[in-house]
Amino acid sequence: MNNEIQSLTSTKQELQDNITTIQNQMTIIKKEKQTFQQFTREITDDDFWNIPEPSTFMNAKSYHKKIVIPFINGIKTTINRMIKKYLNLLHEVDNLKTSVLPLKMKIRELNTQIDQLFDRNRHLEKTLQKYKKY
C-alpha cells in the first residue's frame, strides 16, 4: 500500500517538475516575444531603417541600383529571419500548451488516486486496531 502511494507521489512529482519546466520555457518565449515587439518598434522609429537620401548629383537609375536595391534586399533578409524565428516560437508555444494540459490532467488523476489510497490506508489501520483490541 505504501509502495503504491510512494510510486504515485513520485510520478506526481515528476509530472509537476515537467509542468514547471514547460512553464519556464513559456516564460522565456514570452520574453522573446516582448523582445521581438521592441525590435519591431525600433525598426519603425530608427533612422537606420529609412532609405538614405540620394547625393546631389546622383541620377535615379544609379540611386536605385546603388542604394535602394541593396537596402531593400537587406530589409527582406532581416524580415525573413524575424518571421522564421517568430513562426518557430509560435510553434513551440503551441507544442508547450498541448503538453501542459495532459500533464495537469494526469496530476489531478494521481491526486485522486493518492487520496483514495490514503483513505483506504486509514480504514485498514482502523480495522487493524480493532482486531488488536480483541
C-alpha atoms as a PDB file:
ATOM      1  CA  MET A   1       0.000   0.000   0.000  1.00  0.00           C
ATOM      2  CA  ASN A   2       2.715   2.452   1.000  1.00  0.00           C
ATOM      3  CA  ASN A   3       4.732   1.471  -2.059  1.00  0.00           C
ATOM      4  CA  GLU A   4       1.802   2.386  -4.274  1.00  0.00           C
ATOM      5  CA  ILE A   5       1.458   5.734  -2.553  1.00  0.00           C
ATOM      6  CA  GLN A   6       5.165   6.421  -2.860  1.00  0.00           C
ATOM      7  CA  SER A   7       5.135   5.416  -6.514  1.00  0.00           C
ATOM      8  CA  LEU A   8       2.191   7.683  -7.278  1.00  0.00           C
ATOM      9  CA  THR A   9       3.729  10.512  -5.282  1.00  0.00           C
ATOM     10  CA  SER A  10       6.993  10.247  -7.200  1.00  0.00           C
ATOM     11  CA  THR A  11       5.127  10.116 -10.514  1.00  0.00           C
ATOM     12  CA  LYS A  12       3.132  13.155  -9.452  1.00  0.00           C
ATOM     13  CA  GLN A  13       6.341  14.985  -8.554  1.00  0.00           C
ATOM     14  CA  GLU A  14       7.885  14.138 -11.919  1.00  0.00           C
ATOM     15  CA  LEU A  15       4.821  15.488 -13.712  1.00  0.00           C
ATOM     16  CA  GLN A  16       4.867  18.654 -11.619  1.00  0.00           C
ATOM     17  CA  ASP A  17       8.543  19.089 -12.493  1.00  0.00           C
ATOM     18  CA  ASN A  18       7.652  18.684 -16.164  1.00  0.00           C
ATOM     19  CA  ILE A  19       4.950  21.332 -15.841  1.00  0.00           C
ATOM     20  CA  THR A  20       7.395  23.684 -14.125  1.00  0.00           C
ATOM     21  CA  THR A  21       9.909  23.174 -16.919  1.00  0.00           C
ATOM     22  CA  ILE A  22       7.284  23.837 -19.558  1.00  0.00           C
ATOM     23  CA  GLN A  23       6.067  26.943 -17.740  1.00  0.00           C
ATOM     24  CA  ASN A  24       9.654  28.215 -17.564  1.00  0.00           C
ATOM     25  CA  GLN A  25      10.027  27.658 -21.297  1.00  0.00           C
ATOM     26  CA  MET A  26       6.778  29.535 -21.903  1.00  0.00           C
ATOM     27  CA  THR A  27       8.089  32.437 -19.806  1.00  0.00           C
ATOM     28  CA  ILE A  28      11.237  32.534 -21.912  1.00  0.00           C
ATOM     29  CA  ILE A  29       9.153  32.542 -25.074  1.00  0.00           C
ATOM     30  CA  LYS A  30       7.029  35.411 -23.731  1.00  0.00           C
ATOM     31  CA  LYS A  31      10.204  37.389 -23.025  1.00  0.00           C
ATOM     32  CA  GLU A  32      11.425  36.684 -26.556  1.00  0.00           C
ATOM     33  CA  LYS A  33       8.073  37.876 -27.882  1.00  0.00           C
ATOM     34  CA  GLN A  34       8.481  41.131 -25.952  1.00  0.00           C
ATOM     35  CA  THR A  35      11.988  41.494 -27.382  1.00  0.00           C
ATOM     36  CA  PHE A  36      10.566  40.910 -30.852  1.00  0.00           C
ATOM     37  CA  GLN A  37       7.940  43.608 -30.290  1.00  0.00           C
ATOM     38  CA  GLN A  38      10.586  46.011 -29.004  1.00  0.00           C
ATOM     39  CA  PHE A  39      12.733  45.273 -32.044  1.00  0.00           C
ATOM     40  CA  THR A  40       9.749  45.979 -34.299  1.00  0.00           C
ATOM     41  CA  ARG A  41       9.203  49.336 -32.604  1.00  0.00           C
ATOM     42  CA  GLU A  42      12.884  50.195 -33.013  1.00  0.00           C
ATOM     43  CA  ILE A  43      12.718  49.366 -36.708  1.00  0.00           C
ATOM     44  CA  THR A  44       9.836  51.731 -37.291  1.00  0.00           C
ATOM     45  CA  ASP A  45      11.410  54.563 -35.275  1.00  0.00           C
ATOM     46  CA  ASP A  46      15.110  54.239 -36.146  1.00  0.00           C
ATOM     47  CA  ASP A  47      16.618  56.279 -38.988  1.00  0.00           C
ATOM     48  CA  PHE A  48      18.876  53.344 -39.858  1.00  0.00           C
ATOM     49  CA  TRP A  49      15.887  51.604 -41.429  1.00  0.00           C
ATOM     50  CA  ASN A  50      14.928  54.575 -43.612  1.00  0.00           C
ATOM     51  CA  ILE A  51      16.139  54.816 -47.186  1.00  0.00           C
ATOM     52  CA  PRO A  52      19.030  57.267 -47.418  1.00  0.00           C
ATOM     53  CA  GLU A  53      18.640  60.417 -49.470  1.00  0.00           C
ATOM     54  CA  PRO A  54      20.459  60.483 -52.804  1.00  0.00           C
ATOM     55  CA  SER A  55      23.507  62.645 -53.190  1.00  0.00           C
ATOM     56  CA  THR A  56      23.020  65.874 -55.110  1.00  0.00           C
ATOM     57  CA  PHE A  57      24.460  64.691 -58.457  1.00  0.00           C
ATOM     58  CA  MET A  58      23.104  61.125 -58.390  1.00  0.00           C
ATOM     59  CA  ASN A  59      20.591  60.173 -61.057  1.00  0.00           C
ATOM     60  CA  ALA A  60      17.560  57.990 -60.335  1.00  0.00           C
ATOM     61  CA  LYS A  61      18.948  54.890 -62.043  1.00  0.00           C
ATOM     62  CA  SER A  62      22.216  54.834 -60.067  1.00  0.00           C
ATOM     63  CA  TYR A  63      20.354  55.723 -56.836  1.00  0.00           C
ATOM     64  CA  HIS A  64      18.024  52.817 -57.415  1.00  0.00           C
ATOM     65  CA  LYS A  65      20.877  50.445 -58.276  1.00  0.00           C
ATOM     66  CA  LYS A  66      23.392  51.500 -55.580  1.00  0.00           C
ATOM     67  CA  ILE A  67      21.157  52.421 -52.649  1.00  0.00           C
ATOM     68  CA  VAL A  68      17.546  51.279 -52.941  1.00  0.00           C
ATOM     69  CA  ILE A  69      18.023  47.703 -54.164  1.00  0.00           C
ATOM     70  CA  PRO A  70      20.716  46.753 -51.572  1.00  0.00           C
ATOM     71  CA  PHE A  71      18.679  48.460 -48.856  1.00  0.00           C
ATOM     72  CA  ILE A  72      15.507  46.558 -49.765  1.00  0.00           C
ATOM     73  CA  ASN A  73      17.406  43.263 -50.045  1.00  0.00           C
ATOM     74  CA  GLY A  74      18.860  43.807 -46.575  1.00  0.00           C
ATOM     75  CA  ILE A  75      15.407  44.531 -45.169  1.00  0.00           C
ATOM     76  CA  LYS A  76      13.967  41.450 -46.865  1.00  0.00           C
ATOM     77  CA  THR A  77      16.688  39.247 -45.381  1.00  0.00           C
ATOM     78  CA  THR A  78      16.184  40.658 -41.901  1.00  0.00           C
ATOM     79  CA  ILE A  79      12.401  40.354 -42.064  1.00  0.00           C
ATOM     80  CA  ASN A  80      12.608  36.772 -43.349  1.00  0.00           C
ATOM     81  CA  ARG A  81      14.819  35.831 -40.391  1.00  0.00           C
ATOM     82  CA  MET A  82      12.441  37.504 -37.969  1.00  0.00           C
ATOM     83  CA  ILE A  83       9.403  35.801 -39.472  1.00  0.00           C
ATOM     84  CA  LYS A  84      11.079  32.388 -39.341  1.00  0.00           C
ATOM     85  CA  LYS A  85      12.063  32.874 -35.701  1.00  0.00           C
ATOM     86  CA  TYR A  86       8.570  34.113 -34.843  1.00  0.00           C
ATOM     87  CA  LEU A  87       6.953  31.104 -36.518  1.00  0.00           C
ATOM     88  CA  ASN A  88       9.329  28.736 -34.715  1.00  0.00           C
ATOM     89  CA  LEU A  89       8.489  30.385 -31.391  1.00  0.00           C
ATOM     90  CA  LEU A  90       4.776  30.254 -32.147  1.00  0.00           C
ATOM     91  CA  HIS A  91       5.029  26.557 -32.987  1.00  0.00           C
ATOM     92  CA  GLU A  92       6.989  25.912 -29.793  1.00  0.00           C
ATOM     93  CA  VAL A  93       4.378  27.740 -27.693  1.00  0.00           C
ATOM     94  CA  ASP A  94       1.614  25.647 -29.250  1.00  0.00           C
ATOM     95  CA  ASN A  95       3.543  22.450 -28.515  1.00  0.00           C
ATOM     96  CA  LEU A  96       4.122  23.516 -24.922  1.00  0.00           C
ATOM     97  CA  LYS A  97       0.459  24.367 -24.414  1.00  0.00           C
ATOM     98  CA  THR A  98      -0.595  20.961 -25.717  1.00  0.00           C
ATOM     99  CA  SER A  99       1.948  19.324 -23.391  1.00  0.00           C
ATOM    100  CA  VAL A 100       0.807  21.125 -20.255  1.00  0.00           C
ATOM    101  CA  LEU A 101      -2.873  20.173 -20.402  1.00  0.00           C
ATOM    102  CA  PRO A 102      -2.395  16.372 -20.368  1.00  0.00           C
ATOM    103  CA  LEU A 103       0.171  16.720 -17.578  1.00  0.00           C
ATOM    104  CA  LYS A 104      -2.244  18.733 -15.439  1.00  0.00           C
ATOM    105  CA  MET A 105      -4.967  16.162 -16.058  1.00  0.00           C
ATOM    106  CA  LYS A 106      -2.598  13.342 -15.086  1.00  0.00           C
ATOM    107  CA  ILE A 107      -1.665  15.163 -11.871  1.00  0.00           C
ATOM    108  CA  ARG A 108      -5.350  15.524 -10.948  1.00  0.00           C
ATOM    109  CA  GLU A 109      -5.836  11.832 -11.597  1.00  0.00           C
ATOM    110  CA  LEU A 110      -2.818  10.947  -9.461  1.00  0.00           C
ATOM    111  CA  ASN A 111      -4.014  13.245  -6.671  1.00  0.00           C
ATOM    112  CA  THR A 112      -7.342  11.435  -6.693  1.00  0.00           C
ATOM    113  CA  GLN A 113      -5.623   8.063  -6.545  1.00  0.00           C
ATOM    114  CA  ILE A 114      -3.384   9.209  -3.697  1.00  0.00           C
ATOM    115  CA  ASP A 115      -6.401  10.462  -1.745  1.00  0.00           C
ATOM    116  CA  GLN A 116      -8.189   7.171  -2.300  1.00  0.00           C
ATOM    117  CA  LEU A 117      -5.153   5.200  -1.164  1.00  0.00           C
ATOM    118  CA  PHE A 118      -4.771   7.377   1.955  1.00  0.00           C
ATOM    119  CA  ASP A 119      -8.437   6.819   2.810  1.00  0.00           C
ATOM    120  CA  ARG A 120      -8.075   3.105   2.234  1.00  0.00           C
ATOM    121  CA  ASN A 121      -4.923   3.046   4.348  1.00  0.00           C
ATOM    122  CA  ARG A 122      -6.696   4.873   7.232  1.00  0.00           C
ATOM    123  CA  HIS A 123      -9.580   2.467   7.021  1.00  0.00           C
ATOM    124  CA  LEU A 124      -7.229  -0.524   7.119  1.00  0.00           C
ATOM    125  CA  GLU A 125      -5.341   0.950  10.072  1.00  0.00           C
ATOM    126  CA  LYS A 126      -8.604   1.416  11.996  1.00  0.00           C
ATOM    127  CA  THR A 127      -9.646  -2.137  11.192  1.00  0.00           C
ATOM    128  CA  LEU A 128      -6.245  -3.393  12.310  1.00  0.00           C
ATOM    129  CA  GLN A 129      -6.543  -1.501  15.615  1.00  0.00           C
ATOM    130  CA  LYS A 130      -9.980  -3.042  16.191  1.00  0.00           C
ATOM    131  CA  TYR A 131      -8.503  -6.505  15.675  1.00  0.00           C
ATOM    132  CA  LYS A 132      -5.614  -5.725  18.017  1.00  0.00           C
ATOM    133  CA  LYS A 133      -8.086  -4.862  20.761  1.00  0.00           C
ATOM    134  CA  TYR A 134      -9.579  -8.367  20.607  1.00  0.00           C
END
